Amino acid sequence: GVGRSDIIPTDRFVLSKFRPDEKPLMEEAVSRAADAVEAILSKGHKKAMNTFNQRA
């Protein structure tokens, strides 16, 4: 789920820009998502799900 803020309204919190310390996490998430799409297209959705839905 999405975190919450007691200070900022939820819509502004969810739609706000990422903090500088969050940027590396987002870059990794986008890269992993792109890899997952490529795996779906090349290996099929079941194999891709087994690969990308494993716990770290």
C-alpha atoms as a PDB file:
ATOM      1  CA  GLY A   1       0.000   0.000   0.000  1.00  0.00           C
ATOM      2  CA  VAL A   2       0.853   3.639  -0.028  1.00  0.00           C
ATOM      3  CA  GLY A   3       2.197   5.295   3.082  1.00  0.00           C
ATOM      4  CA  ARG A   4       0.258   8.032   4.796  1.00  0.00           C
ATOM      5  CA  SER A   5       1.016  11.447   6.163  1.00  0.00           C
ATOM      6  CA  ASP A   6      -0.789  13.045   9.063  1.00  0.00           C
ATOM      7  CA  ILE A   7       0.381  16.456   7.857  1.00  0.00           C
ATOM      8  CA  ILE A   8      -0.241  16.428   4.090  1.00  0.00           C
ATOM      9  CA  PRO A   9      -3.627  15.505   2.546  1.00  0.00           C
ATOM     10  CA  THR A  10      -3.488  11.982   1.092  1.00  0.00           C
ATOM     11  CA  ASP A  11      -3.911  13.057  -2.539  1.00  0.00           C
ATOM     12  CA  ARG A  12      -1.017  15.532  -2.297  1.00  0.00           C
ATOM     13  CA  PHE A  13       1.143  12.986  -0.475  1.00  0.00           C
ATOM     14  CA  VAL A  14       0.523  10.216  -3.024  1.00  0.00           C
ATOM     15  CA  LEU A  15       0.968  12.496  -6.030  1.00  0.00           C
ATOM     16  CA  SER A  16       3.959  14.430  -4.697  1.00  0.00           C
ATOM     17  CA  LYS A  17       7.444  14.126  -6.177  1.00  0.00           C
ATOM     18  CA  PHE A  18       9.784  11.552  -4.738  1.00  0.00           C
ATOM     19  CA  ARG A  19      12.308  12.673  -2.153  1.00  0.00           C
ATOM     20  CA  PRO A  20      15.982  12.620  -3.221  1.00  0.00           C
ATOM     21  CA  ASP A  21      16.622   9.590  -1.006  1.00  0.00           C
ATOM     22  CA  GLU A  22      13.807   7.705  -2.781  1.00  0.00           C
ATOM     23  CA  LYS A  23      15.220   8.240  -6.291  1.00  0.00           C
ATOM     24  CA  PRO A  24      17.555   5.187  -6.301  1.00  0.00           C
ATOM     25  CA  LEU A  25      14.680   2.976  -5.135  1.00  0.00           C
ATOM     26  CA  MET A  26      12.435   4.240  -7.924  1.00  0.00           C
ATOM     27  CA  GLU A  27      15.149   3.811 -10.553  1.00  0.00           C
ATOM     28  CA  GLU A  28      15.585   0.186  -9.436  1.00  0.00           C
ATOM     29  CA  ALA A  29      11.815  -0.394  -9.445  1.00  0.00           C
ATOM     30  CA  VAL A  30      11.435   1.003 -12.974  1.00  0.00           C
ATOM     31  CA  SER A  31      14.375  -1.080 -14.202  1.00  0.00           C
ATOM     32  CA  ARG A  32      12.918  -4.223 -12.631  1.00  0.00           C
ATOM     33  CA  ALA A  33       9.503  -3.482 -14.128  1.00  0.00           C
ATOM     34  CA  ALA A  34      11.071  -3.132 -17.586  1.00  0.00           C
ATOM     35  CA  ASP A  35      12.869  -6.455 -17.092  1.00  0.00           C
ATOM     36  CA  ALA A  36       9.565  -8.046 -16.084  1.00  0.00           C
ATOM     37  CA  VAL A  37       7.837  -6.791 -19.234  1.00  0.00           C
ATOM     38  CA  GLU A  38      10.655  -8.185 -21.375  1.00  0.00           C
ATOM     39  CA  ALA A  39      10.369 -11.532 -19.572  1.00  0.00           C
ATOM     40  CA  ILE A  40       6.610 -11.628 -20.145  1.00  0.00           C
ATOM     41  CA  LEU A  41       7.108 -11.036 -23.853  1.00  0.00           C
ATOM     42  CA  SER A  42       9.958 -13.528 -24.258  1.00  0.00           C
ATOM     43  CA  LYS A  43       9.086 -16.291 -21.753  1.00  0.00           C
ATOM     44  CA  GLY A  44       5.369 -15.894 -21.162  1.00  0.00           C
ATOM     45  CA  HIS A  45       3.524 -14.553 -18.173  1.00  0.00           C
ATOM     46  CA  LYS A  46       3.696 -17.677 -15.986  1.00  0.00           C
ATOM     47  CA  LYS A  47       7.491 -17.971 -16.088  1.00  0.00           C
ATOM     48  CA  ALA A  48       7.850 -14.217 -15.656  1.00  0.00           C
ATOM     49  CA  MET A  49       5.542 -14.276 -12.622  1.00  0.00           C
ATOM     50  CA  ASN A  50       7.564 -17.099 -11.068  1.00  0.00           C
ATOM     51  CA  THR A  51      10.749 -15.105 -11.585  1.00  0.00           C
ATOM     52  CA  PHE A  52       9.590 -11.664 -10.498  1.00  0.00           C
ATOM     53  CA  ASN A  53       7.136 -12.535  -7.733  1.00  0.00           C
ATOM     54  CA  GLN A  54       9.690 -14.365  -5.585  1.00  0.00           C
ATOM     55  CA  ARG A  55      10.433 -12.918  -2.173  1.00  0.00           C
ATOM     56  CA  ALA A  56      13.808 -11.225  -1.894  1.00  0.00           C
END
